[in-house]
């Protein structure tokens, strides 16, 4: 019916309009960086809490 560009063409146009990535910057999007750090922190804290819980059960 209506001719629209494919998703690949739209992504290519969007990336062509952006400048090159700066060295050392892996996250251009601030909320993505925050979410990544939050999830990693949550997993680490969860593992430590689980280990402490299991250790407390083992002492009795």
N, C-alpha and C. Protein backbone atom coordinates (compact mmCIF):
# COMPACT_ATOMS: atom_id res chain seq x y z
N UNK A 1 0.83 -1.18 0.00
CA UNK A 1 0.00 0.00 0.00
C UNK A 1 0.88 1.26 0.00
N UNK A 2 1.44 1.58 1.15
CA UNK A 2 2.35 2.72 1.24
C UNK A 2 3.77 2.20 1.26
N UNK A 3 4.64 2.86 0.51
CA UNK A 3 6.03 2.42 0.48
C UNK A 3 6.79 3.11 1.62
N UNK A 4 7.29 2.31 2.52
CA UNK A 4 8.11 2.86 3.60
C UNK A 4 9.46 2.15 3.58
N UNK A 5 10.44 2.80 4.16
CA UNK A 5 11.79 2.25 4.18
C UNK A 5 11.84 1.05 5.13
N UNK A 6 12.70 0.13 4.82
CA UNK A 6 12.87 -1.02 5.70
C UNK A 6 13.57 -0.58 6.97
N UNK A 7 13.48 -1.42 7.98
CA UNK A 7 14.11 -1.09 9.26
C UNK A 7 15.62 -0.95 9.11
N UNK A 8 16.21 -1.76 8.23
CA UNK A 8 17.66 -1.67 8.01
C UNK A 8 18.05 -0.32 7.41
N UNK A 9 17.25 0.16 6.47
CA UNK A 9 17.54 1.46 5.86
C UNK A 9 17.39 2.59 6.87
N UNK A 10 16.37 2.50 7.72
CA UNK A 10 16.18 3.55 8.73
C UNK A 10 17.31 3.55 9.75
N UNK A 11 17.76 2.37 10.15
CA UNK A 11 18.88 2.29 11.10
C UNK A 11 20.16 2.84 10.46
N UNK A 12 20.40 2.50 9.19
CA UNK A 12 21.60 2.98 8.50
C UNK A 12 21.59 4.50 8.39
N UNK A 13 20.44 5.10 8.09
CA UNK A 13 20.36 6.57 8.01
C UNK A 13 20.61 7.21 9.37
N UNK A 14 20.06 6.61 10.41
CA UNK A 14 20.23 7.16 11.74
C UNK A 14 21.69 7.09 12.17
N UNK A 15 22.36 5.97 11.91
CA UNK A 15 23.76 5.83 12.28
C UNK A 15 24.67 6.72 11.44
N UNK A 16 24.30 6.97 10.20
CA UNK A 16 25.10 7.85 9.35
C UNK A 16 25.07 9.27 9.86
N UNK A 17 23.97 9.68 10.48
CA UNK A 17 23.83 11.04 11.00
C UNK A 17 24.58 11.26 12.30
N UNK A 18 24.96 10.18 12.97
CA UNK A 18 25.67 10.30 14.24
C UNK A 18 27.16 10.37 13.99
N UNK A 19 27.85 11.03 14.88
CA UNK A 19 29.31 11.11 14.78
C UNK A 19 29.95 9.82 15.26
N UNK A 20 31.25 9.71 15.10
CA UNK A 20 31.94 8.50 15.57
C UNK A 20 31.94 8.45 17.10
N UNK A 21 32.03 7.24 17.64
CA UNK A 21 32.08 7.08 19.08
C UNK A 21 33.40 7.61 19.61
N UNK A 22 33.35 8.21 20.79
CA UNK A 22 34.56 8.71 21.43
C UNK A 22 35.24 7.55 22.14
N UNK A 23 36.53 7.58 22.18
CA UNK A 23 37.30 6.53 22.82
C UNK A 23 36.98 6.48 24.32
N UNK A 24 36.67 5.29 24.83
CA UNK A 24 36.40 5.12 26.25
C UNK A 24 34.96 5.32 26.65
N UNK A 25 34.09 5.71 25.73
CA UNK A 25 32.67 5.91 26.06
C UNK A 25 31.88 4.74 25.49
N UNK A 26 31.41 3.88 26.38
CA UNK A 26 30.66 2.72 25.94
C UNK A 26 29.16 2.97 25.99
N UNK A 27 28.73 3.88 26.86
CA UNK A 27 27.31 4.19 27.00
C UNK A 27 27.08 5.64 26.60
N UNK A 28 26.41 5.84 25.48
CA UNK A 28 26.08 7.20 25.08
C UNK A 28 24.82 7.67 25.78
N UNK A 29 24.01 6.73 26.22
CA UNK A 29 22.71 7.05 26.78
C UNK A 29 22.80 6.94 28.30
N UNK A 30 22.58 8.05 29.01
CA UNK A 30 22.72 8.09 30.46
C UNK A 30 21.87 7.07 31.20
N UNK A 31 20.55 6.97 30.90
CA UNK A 31 19.71 6.00 31.60
C UNK A 31 20.16 4.55 31.38
N UNK A 32 20.72 4.24 30.22
CA UNK A 32 21.21 2.88 29.98
C UNK A 32 22.39 2.59 30.90
N UNK A 33 23.25 3.57 31.09
CA UNK A 33 24.40 3.40 31.98
C UNK A 33 23.92 3.19 33.42
N UNK A 34 22.95 3.99 33.85
CA UNK A 34 22.39 3.87 35.20
C UNK A 34 21.75 2.50 35.39
N UNK A 35 20.98 2.05 34.42
CA UNK A 35 20.30 0.76 34.51
C UNK A 35 21.32 -0.38 34.56
N UNK A 36 22.34 -0.32 33.76
CA UNK A 36 23.38 -1.34 33.73
C UNK A 36 24.07 -1.44 35.10
N UNK A 37 24.45 -0.32 35.66
CA UNK A 37 25.13 -0.30 36.95
C UNK A 37 24.19 -0.79 38.04
N UNK A 38 22.92 -0.39 37.99
CA UNK A 38 21.94 -0.83 38.99
C UNK A 38 21.76 -2.35 38.95
N UNK A 39 21.63 -2.91 37.76
CA UNK A 39 21.42 -4.36 37.65
C UNK A 39 22.65 -5.12 38.15
N UNK A 40 23.84 -4.67 37.77
CA UNK A 40 25.06 -5.33 38.25
C UNK A 40 25.14 -5.25 39.77
N UNK A 41 24.86 -4.08 40.33
CA UNK A 41 24.88 -3.91 41.78
C UNK A 41 23.84 -4.79 42.47
N UNK A 42 22.65 -4.88 41.90
CA UNK A 42 21.58 -5.70 42.46
C UNK A 42 21.99 -7.18 42.49
N UNK A 43 22.61 -7.65 41.43
CA UNK A 43 23.05 -9.04 41.36
C UNK A 43 24.14 -9.31 42.41
N UNK A 44 25.09 -8.40 42.54
CA UNK A 44 26.18 -8.59 43.51
C UNK A 44 25.62 -8.60 44.93
N UNK A 45 24.77 -7.63 45.26
CA UNK A 45 24.18 -7.57 46.60
C UNK A 45 23.32 -8.80 46.87
N UNK A 46 22.57 -9.25 45.86
CA UNK A 46 21.75 -10.45 46.02
C UNK A 46 22.58 -11.68 46.29
N UNK A 47 23.70 -11.81 45.61
CA UNK A 47 24.58 -12.97 45.85
C UNK A 47 25.18 -12.92 47.25
N UNK A 48 25.61 -11.75 47.67
CA UNK A 48 26.19 -11.64 49.02
C UNK A 48 25.13 -11.93 50.08
N UNK A 49 23.92 -11.39 49.91
CA UNK A 49 22.84 -11.66 50.87
C UNK A 49 22.50 -13.14 50.90
N UNK A 50 22.46 -13.78 49.74
CA UNK A 50 22.18 -15.21 49.70
C UNK A 50 23.25 -16.03 50.39
N UNK A 51 24.50 -15.68 50.18
CA UNK A 51 25.58 -16.39 50.84
C UNK A 51 25.53 -16.21 52.36
N UNK A 52 25.25 -14.98 52.80
CA UNK A 52 25.14 -14.74 54.25
C UNK A 52 23.97 -15.52 54.84
N UNK A 53 22.87 -15.58 54.13
CA UNK A 53 21.70 -16.33 54.59
C UNK A 53 22.02 -17.82 54.70
N UNK A 54 22.67 -18.37 53.70
CA UNK A 54 23.02 -19.78 53.74
C UNK A 54 24.05 -20.08 54.83
N UNK A 55 24.97 -19.15 55.05
CA UNK A 55 25.95 -19.33 56.12
C UNK A 55 25.26 -19.29 57.48
N UNK A 56 24.27 -18.41 57.65
CA UNK A 56 23.55 -18.32 58.92
C UNK A 56 22.76 -19.60 59.17
N UNK A 57 22.20 -20.20 58.16
CA UNK A 57 21.46 -21.46 58.32
C UNK A 57 22.41 -22.60 58.68
N UNK A 58 23.60 -22.55 58.17
CA UNK A 58 24.55 -23.63 58.40
C UNK A 58 25.16 -23.61 59.78
N UNK A 59 25.12 -22.46 60.47
CA UNK A 59 25.75 -22.35 61.78
C UNK A 59 24.90 -22.95 62.89
N UNK A 60 23.61 -23.10 62.69
CA UNK A 60 22.74 -23.60 63.76
C UNK A 60 22.72 -25.08 63.80
